Structure formats: structure tokens, C-alpha cells
PDB file of N, CA and C in Angstrom:
ATOM      1  N   UNK A   1     109.160  16.664   4.846  1.00  0.00           N
ATOM      2  CA  UNK A   1     108.627  15.164   4.521  1.00  0.00           C
ATOM      3  C   UNK A   1     110.083  14.802   4.175  1.00  0.00           C
ATOM      4  N   UNK A   2     110.554  13.580   4.598  1.00  0.00           N
ATOM      5  CA  UNK A   2     112.047  12.936   4.559  1.00  0.00           C
ATOM      6  C   UNK A   2     112.008  12.404   3.146  1.00  0.00           C
ATOM      7  N   UNK A   3     113.514  12.385   2.874  1.00  0.00           N
ATOM      8  CA  UNK A   3     113.507  11.782   1.263  1.00  0.00           C
ATOM      9  C   UNK A   3     113.041  10.028   1.224  1.00  0.00           C
ATOM     10  N   UNK A   4     113.169   9.581   2.305  1.00  0.00           N
ATOM     11  CA  UNK A   4     112.475   8.146   2.225  1.00  0.00           C
ATOM     12  C   UNK A   4     111.318   7.987   2.140  1.00  0.00           C
ATOM     13  N   UNK A   5     110.285   8.842   2.769  1.00  0.00           N
ATOM     14  CA  UNK A   5     108.998   8.877   2.661  1.00  0.00           C
ATOM     15  C   UNK A   5     108.487   9.357   1.225  1.00  0.00           C
ATOM     16  N   UNK A   6     109.126  10.108   0.567  1.00  0.00           N
ATOM     17  CA  UNK A   6     108.715  10.707  -0.559  1.00  0.00           C
ATOM     18  C   UNK A   6     108.944   9.939  -1.583  1.00  0.00           C
ATOM     19  N   UNK A   7     109.982   8.930  -1.544  1.00  0.00           N
ATOM     20  CA  UNK A   7     110.290   7.922  -2.230  1.00  0.00           C
ATOM     21  C   UNK A   7     109.110   6.866  -2.325  1.00  0.00           C
ATOM     22  N   UNK A   8     108.813   6.609  -1.106  1.00  0.00           N
ATOM     23  CA  UNK A   8     107.718   5.600  -0.900  1.00  0.00           C
ATOM     24  C   UNK A   8     106.449   6.104  -1.541  1.00  0.00           C
ATOM     25  N   UNK A   9     106.094   7.130  -1.623  1.00  0.00           N
ATOM     26  CA  UNK A   9     104.871   7.995  -1.978  1.00  0.00           C
ATOM     27  C   UNK A   9     105.190   7.599  -3.663  1.00  0.00           C
ATOM     28  N   UNK A  10     106.100   8.246  -4.122  1.00  0.00           N
ATOM     29  CA  UNK A  10     106.258   8.000  -5.665  1.00  0.00           C
ATOM     30  C   UNK A  10     106.280   6.658  -5.852  1.00  0.00           C
ATOM     31  N   UNK A  11     106.732   5.702  -5.299  1.00  0.00           N
ATOM     32  CA  UNK A  11     106.640   4.276  -5.680  1.00  0.00           C
ATOM     33  C   UNK A  11     105.578   3.849  -5.459  1.00  0.00           C
ATOM     34  N   UNK A  12     104.438   4.470  -4.662  1.00  0.00           N
ATOM     35  CA  UNK A  12     103.136   3.965  -4.617  1.00  0.00           C
ATOM     36  C   UNK A  12     102.275   4.639  -5.763  1.00  0.00           C
ATOM     37  N   UNK A  13     102.783   5.688  -5.889  1.00  0.00           N
ATOM     38  CA  UNK A  13     102.103   6.281  -7.304  1.00  0.00           C
ATOM     39  C   UNK A  13     102.413   5.727  -8.667  1.00  0.00           C
ATOM     40  N   UNK A  14     103.652   5.441  -8.893  1.00  0.00           N
ATOM     41  CA  UNK A  14     104.210   4.685  -9.784  1.00  0.00           C
ATOM     42  C   UNK A  14     103.238   3.203  -9.887  1.00  0.00           C
ATOM     43  N   UNK A  15     103.175   2.466  -8.892  1.00  0.00           N
ATOM     44  CA  UNK A  15     102.368   1.391  -9.021  1.00  0.00           C
ATOM     45  C   UNK A  15     100.996   1.314  -9.390  1.00  0.00           C
ATOM     46  N   UNK A  16     100.274   2.403  -8.685  1.00  0.00           N
ATOM     47  CA  UNK A  16      99.086   2.772  -9.293  1.00  0.00           C
ATOM     48  C   UNK A  16      98.846   3.052 -10.578  1.00  0.00           C
ATOM     49  N   UNK A  17      99.673   3.837 -11.015  1.00  0.00           N
ATOM     50  CA  UNK A  17      99.741   4.031 -12.679  1.00  0.00           C
ATOM     51  C   UNK A  17     100.019   2.834 -13.413  1.00  0.00           C
ATOM     52  N   UNK A  18     100.754   1.911 -13.057  1.00  0.00           N
ATOM     53  CA  UNK A  18     101.056   0.757 -13.856  1.00  0.00           C
ATOM     54  C   UNK A  18      99.605  -0.052 -13.626  1.00  0.00           C
ATOM     55  N   UNK A  19      98.943  -0.397 -12.337  1.00  0.00           N
ATOM     56  CA  UNK A  19      97.711  -1.061 -12.214  1.00  0.00           C
ATOM     57  C   UNK A  19      96.695  -0.369 -13.263  1.00  0.00           C
ATOM     58  N   UNK A  20      96.505   0.789 -13.282  1.00  0.00           N
ATOM     59  CA  UNK A  20      95.540   1.524 -14.037  1.00  0.00           C
ATOM     60  C   UNK A  20      95.929   1.184 -15.450  1.00  0.00           C
ATOM     61  N   UNK A  21      97.159   1.106 -15.833  1.00  0.00           N
ATOM     62  CA  UNK A  21      97.048   0.513 -17.250  1.00  0.00           C
ATOM     63  C   UNK A  21      96.826  -0.637 -17.567  1.00  0.00           C
ATOM     64  N   UNK A  22      97.126  -1.641 -16.500  1.00  0.00           N
ATOM     65  CA  UNK A  22      96.649  -2.961 -16.984  1.00  0.00           C
ATOM     66  C   UNK A  22      95.358  -3.410 -16.338  1.00  0.00           C
ATOM     67  N   UNK A  23      94.371  -2.609 -15.891  1.00  0.00           N
ATOM     68  CA  UNK A  23      93.221  -2.793 -15.701  1.00  0.00           C
ATOM     69  C   UNK A  23      92.467  -2.386 -17.128  1.00  0.00           C
ATOM     70  N   UNK A  24      92.718  -0.972 -17.543  1.00  0.00           N
ATOM     71  CA  UNK A  24      92.748  -0.829 -19.000  1.00  0.00           C
ATOM     72  C   UNK A  24      93.129  -1.789 -20.013  1.00  0.00           C
ATOM     73  N   UNK A  25      94.083  -2.566 -19.942  1.00  0.00           N
ATOM     74  CA  UNK A  25      94.386  -3.700 -21.079  1.00  0.00           C
ATOM     75  C   UNK A  25      93.326  -4.536 -20.786  1.00  0.00           C
ATOM     76  N   UNK A  26      93.184  -4.994 -19.569  1.00  0.00           N
ATOM     77  CA  UNK A  26      92.183  -6.216 -19.129  1.00  0.00           C
ATOM     78  C   UNK A  26      90.849  -5.710 -19.637  1.00  0.00           C
ATOM     79  N   UNK A  27      90.344  -4.536 -19.670  1.00  0.00           N
ATOM     80  CA  UNK A  27      88.908  -4.361 -20.191  1.00  0.00           C
ATOM     81  C   UNK A  27      89.323  -4.572 -21.887  1.00  0.00           C
ATOM     82  N   UNK A  28      90.105  -3.943 -22.245  1.00  0.00           N
ATOM     83  CA  UNK A  28      90.160  -4.214 -23.758  1.00  0.00           C
ATOM     84  C   UNK A  28      90.172  -5.684 -24.276  1.00  0.00           C
ATOM     85  N   UNK A  29      91.039  -6.767 -23.661  1.00  0.00           N
ATOM     86  CA  UNK A  29      90.630  -7.952 -23.766  1.00  0.00           C
ATOM     87  C   UNK A  29      89.676  -8.517 -23.717  1.00  0.00           C
ATOM     88  N   UNK A  30      88.932  -8.217 -22.609  1.00  0.00           N
ATOM     89  CA  UNK A  30      87.698  -8.601 -22.119  1.00  0.00           C
ATOM     90  C   UNK A  30      86.757  -8.600 -23.197  1.00  0.00           C
ATOM     91  N   UNK A  31      86.878  -7.185 -23.686  1.00  0.00           N
ATOM     92  CA  UNK A  31      85.872  -7.093 -24.541  1.00  0.00           C
ATOM     93  C   UNK A  31      86.168  -7.401 -25.904  1.00  0.00           C
ATOM     94  N   UNK A  32      87.293  -7.673 -26.229  1.00  0.00           N
ATOM     95  CA  UNK A  32      87.657  -8.244 -27.574  1.00  0.00           C
ATOM     96  C   UNK A  32      87.501  -9.819 -27.652  1.00  0.00           C
ATOM     97  N   UNK A  33      87.059 -10.580 -26.277  1.00  0.00           N
ATOM     98  CA  UNK A  33      86.676 -11.754 -25.889  1.00  0.00           C
ATOM     99  C   UNK A  33      88.155 -12.914 -25.458  1.00  0.00           C
ATOM    100  N   UNK A  34      89.356 -12.112 -25.514  1.00  0.00           N
ATOM    101  CA  UNK A  34      90.364 -12.575 -24.999  1.00  0.00           C
ATOM    102  C   UNK A  34      90.510 -12.759 -23.752  1.00  0.00           C
ATOM    103  N   UNK A  35      89.824 -13.638 -22.875  1.00  0.00           N
ATOM    104  CA  UNK A  35      89.715 -13.918 -21.641  1.00  0.00           C
ATOM    105  C   UNK A  35      90.948 -14.214 -21.018  1.00  0.00           C
ATOM    106  N   UNK A  36      91.717 -14.855 -21.551  1.00  0.00           N
ATOM    107  CA  UNK A  36      93.088 -15.490 -20.949  1.00  0.00           C
ATOM    108  C   UNK A  36      93.883 -13.941 -20.749  1.00  0.00           C
ATOM    109  N   UNK A  37      94.102 -13.204 -21.887  1.00  0.00           N
ATOM    110  CA  UNK A  37      94.896 -12.034 -21.986  1.00  0.00           C
ATOM    111  C   UNK A  37      94.260 -11.102 -20.899  1.00  0.00           C
ATOM    112  N   UNK A  38      92.873 -11.121 -20.855  1.00  0.00           N
ATOM    113  CA  UNK A  38      92.443 -10.077 -19.891  1.00  0.00           C
ATOM    114  C   UNK A  38      92.614 -10.557 -18.049  1.00  0.00           C
ATOM    115  N   UNK A  39      92.749 -11.722 -17.835  1.00  0.00           N
ATOM    116  CA  UNK A  39      92.865 -12.141 -16.619  1.00  0.00           C
ATOM    117  C   UNK A  39      94.421 -12.025 -16.508  1.00  0.00           C
ATOM    118  N   UNK A  40      95.509 -12.129 -17.436  1.00  0.00           N
ATOM    119  CA  UNK A  40      96.954 -11.911 -16.906  1.00  0.00           C
ATOM    120  C   UNK A  40      97.151 -10.427 -16.546  1.00  0.00           C
ATOM    121  N   UNK A  41      96.115  -9.573 -17.510  1.00  0.00           N
ATOM    122  CA  UNK A  41      96.604  -8.207 -16.973  1.00  0.00           C
ATOM    123  C   UNK A  41      95.636  -7.673 -15.538  1.00  0.00           C
ATOM    124  N   UNK A  42      94.699  -8.187 -15.339  1.00  0.00           N
ATOM    125  CA  UNK A  42      93.726  -7.975 -14.260  1.00  0.00           C
ATOM    126  C   UNK A  42      95.056  -8.414 -13.112  1.00  0.00           C
ATOM    127  N   UNK A  43      95.603  -9.799 -12.977  1.00  0.00           N
ATOM    128  CA  UNK A  43      96.356 -10.015 -11.982  1.00  0.00           C
ATOM    129  C   UNK A  43      97.599  -9.239 -11.755  1.00  0.00           C
ATOM    130  N   UNK A  44      98.075  -9.046 -13.084  1.00  0.00           N
ATOM    131  CA  UNK A  44      99.141  -7.854 -12.784  1.00  0.00           C
ATOM    132  C   UNK A  44      98.870  -6.872 -12.182  1.00  0.00           C
ATOM    133  N   UNK A  45      97.671  -6.231 -12.805  1.00  0.00           N
ATOM    134  CA  UNK A  45      97.052  -4.782 -11.932  1.00  0.00           C
ATOM    135  C   UNK A  45      97.141  -5.279 -10.457  1.00  0.00           C
ATOM    136  N   UNK A  46      96.644  -6.233 -10.086  1.00  0.00           N
ATOM    137  CA  UNK A  46      96.194  -6.624  -8.700  1.00  0.00           C
ATOM    138  C   UNK A  46      97.570  -6.675  -7.903  1.00  0.00           C
ATOM    139  N   UNK A  47      98.421  -7.104  -8.493  1.00  0.00           N
ATOM    140  CA  UNK A  47      99.836  -6.967  -8.098  1.00  0.00           C
ATOM    141  C   UNK A  47     100.794  -5.411  -7.713  1.00  0.00           C
ATOM    142  N   UNK A  48     100.280  -5.063  -8.741  1.00  0.00           N
ATOM    143  CA  UNK A  48     100.851  -3.321  -8.759  1.00  0.00           C
ATOM    144  C   UNK A  48     100.098  -2.978  -7.549  1.00  0.00           C
ATOM    145  N   UNK A  49      98.697  -3.185  -7.585  1.00  0.00           N
ATOM    146  CA  UNK A  49      97.911  -2.499  -6.559  1.00  0.00           C
ATOM    147  C   UNK A  49      98.729  -3.036  -4.958  1.00  0.00           C
ATOM    148  N   UNK A  50      99.015  -4.038  -4.753  1.00  0.00           N
ATOM    149  CA  UNK A  50      99.656  -4.681  -3.434  1.00  0.00           C
ATOM    150  C   UNK A  50     100.944  -3.841  -3.404  1.00  0.00           C
ATOM    151  N   UNK A  51     101.531  -3.822  -4.365  1.00  0.00           N
ATOM    152  CA  UNK A  51     102.991  -3.032  -4.367  1.00  0.00           C
ATOM    153  C   UNK A  51     102.961  -1.514  -3.745  1.00  0.00           C
ATOM    154  N   UNK A  52     101.752  -1.145  -4.473  1.00  0.00           N
ATOM    155  CA  UNK A  52     101.436   0.732  -4.123  1.00  0.00           C
ATOM    156  C   UNK A  52     100.848   0.464  -2.512  1.00  0.00           C
ATOM    157  N   UNK A  53     100.365  -0.588  -2.161  1.00  0.00           N
ATOM    158  CA  UNK A  53      99.729  -0.543  -0.916  1.00  0.00           C
ATOM    159  C   UNK A  53     101.095  -0.666   0.361  1.00  0.00           C
ATOM    160  N   UNK A  54     102.001  -1.584  -0.320  1.00  0.00           N
ATOM    161  CA  UNK A  54     103.110  -1.823   0.565  1.00  0.00           C
ATOM    162  C   UNK A  54     103.832  -0.517   0.931  1.00  0.00           C
ATOM    163  N   UNK A  55     104.063   0.104  -0.456  1.00  0.00           N
ATOM    164  CA  UNK A  55     104.812   1.721  -0.405  1.00  0.00           C
ATOM    165  C   UNK A  55     104.043   2.449   0.419  1.00  0.00           C
ATOM    166  N   UNK A  56     102.605   2.605   0.438  1.00  0.00           N
ATOM    167  CA  UNK A  56     102.071   3.457   1.344  1.00  0.00           C
ATOM    168  C   UNK A  56     101.814   3.520   2.710  1.00  0.00           C
ATOM    169  N   UNK A  57     101.993   2.017   2.902  1.00  0.00           N
ATOM    170  CA  UNK A  57     102.304   1.500   4.461  1.00  0.00           C
ATOM    171  C   UNK A  57     103.635   1.894   4.977  1.00  0.00           C
ATOM    172  N   UNK A  58     104.843   1.801   4.029  1.00  0.00           N
ATOM    173  CA  UNK A  58     106.229   2.041   4.557  1.00  0.00           C
ATOM    174  C   UNK A  58     105.935   3.746   4.633  1.00  0.00           C
ATOM    175  N   UNK A  59     105.714   4.526   3.850  1.00  0.00           N
ATOM    176  CA  UNK A  59     105.632   5.887   3.906  1.00  0.00           C
ATOM    177  C   UNK A  59     104.597   6.301   5.027  1.00  0.00           C
ATOM    178  N   UNK A  60     103.787   5.781   5.591  1.00  0.00           N
ATOM    179  CA  UNK A  60     103.289   5.877   6.875  1.00  0.00           C
ATOM    180  C   UNK A  60     104.187   5.828   7.825  1.00  0.00           C
ATOM    181  N   UNK A  61     104.820   4.684   7.983  1.00  0.00           N
ATOM    182  CA  UNK A  61     105.612   4.164   9.220  1.00  0.00           C
ATOM    183  C   UNK A  61     106.708   5.223   9.338  1.00  0.00           C
ATOM    184  N   UNK A  62     107.492   5.821   8.102  1.00  0.00           N
ATOM    185  CA  UNK A  62     108.183   6.680   8.173  1.00  0.00           C
ATOM    186  C   UNK A  62     107.953   7.980   8.530  1.00  0.00           C
ATOM    187  N   UNK A  63     106.910   8.512   8.243  1.00  0.00           N
ATOM    188  CA  UNK A  63     106.115   9.621   8.804  1.00  0.00           C
ATOM    189  C   UNK A  63     105.647   9.222  10.455  1.00  0.00           C
ATOM    190  N   UNK A  64     105.731   8.361  10.807  1.00  0.00           N
ATOM    191  CA  UNK A  64     105.329   8.125  12.206  1.00  0.00           C
ATOM    192  C   UNK A  64     106.524   7.950  13.115  1.00  0.00           C
ATOM    193  N   UNK A  65     107.542   7.480  12.416  1.00  0.00           N
ATOM    194  CA  UNK A  65     108.873   7.741  12.768  1.00  0.00           C
ATOM    195  C   UNK A  65     109.380   8.901  13.244  1.00  0.00           C
ATOM    196  N   UNK A  66     109.280   9.885  12.216  1.00  0.00           N
ATOM    197  CA  UNK A  66     109.518  11.390  11.915  1.00  0.00           C
ATOM    198  C   UNK A  66     109.193  11.999  13.105  1.00  0.00           C
ATOM    199  N   UNK A  67     108.017  11.739  13.518  1.00  0.00           N
ATOM    200  CA  UNK A  67     106.938  12.263  14.337  1.00  0.00           C
ATOM    201  C   UNK A  67     106.517  11.812  15.690  1.00  0.00           C
ATOM    202  N   UNK A  68     107.456  10.795  15.880  1.00  0.00           N
ATOM    203  CA  UNK A  68     107.526  10.155  17.176  1.00  0.00           C
ATOM    204  C   UNK A  68     106.380   9.258  17.928  1.00  0.00           C
ATOM    205  N   UNK A  69     105.499   9.011  16.729  1.00  0.00           N
ATOM    206  CA  UNK A  69     104.327   8.149  16.829  1.00  0.00           C
ATOM    207  C   UNK A  69     104.740   6.878  16.530  1.00  0.00           C
ATOM    208  N   UNK A  70     105.286   5.761  17.039  1.00  0.00           N
ATOM    209  CA  UNK A  70     105.635   4.706  16.636  1.00  0.00           C
ATOM    210  C   UNK A  70     104.343   3.679  16.829  1.00  0.00           C
TER     211      UNK A  70
END
């Protein structure tokens, strides 16, 4: 695996980890009745999820280019 593909995989993992933390915070705030804070964390989690998806797609593209499958 190329360094570029590995970096995309690592970035995807980091964003998934950030998303998980924000989902946990959203749950905590929701249970406490702080719905505005819960919504903020839920939206932030979604954004991290989208960034993770982007990096996963980019890693797949690099893999395809390395193996001649464009």
C-alpha cells in the first residue's frame, strides 16, 4: 500500500474516532435535556463521518490507480 493510501486510511479512522466522541457527547447532552448542545454534537459527528467517507473513497481511488483499475 502506498504512503498516500495509508494516509487516507488513517485520516478516515481519525474522523470516525472524532465522530464517535461527538455522538457520545450528543447522547450525554440529550439525556441531560440540553437539546441544543446535543444537536451541535450530532451535526459535528455527521460532518466527521462525511470527512471519513471522503478519505475512504480517496484511499480506494489510490488503490485502483496502483493496480491499474481506473
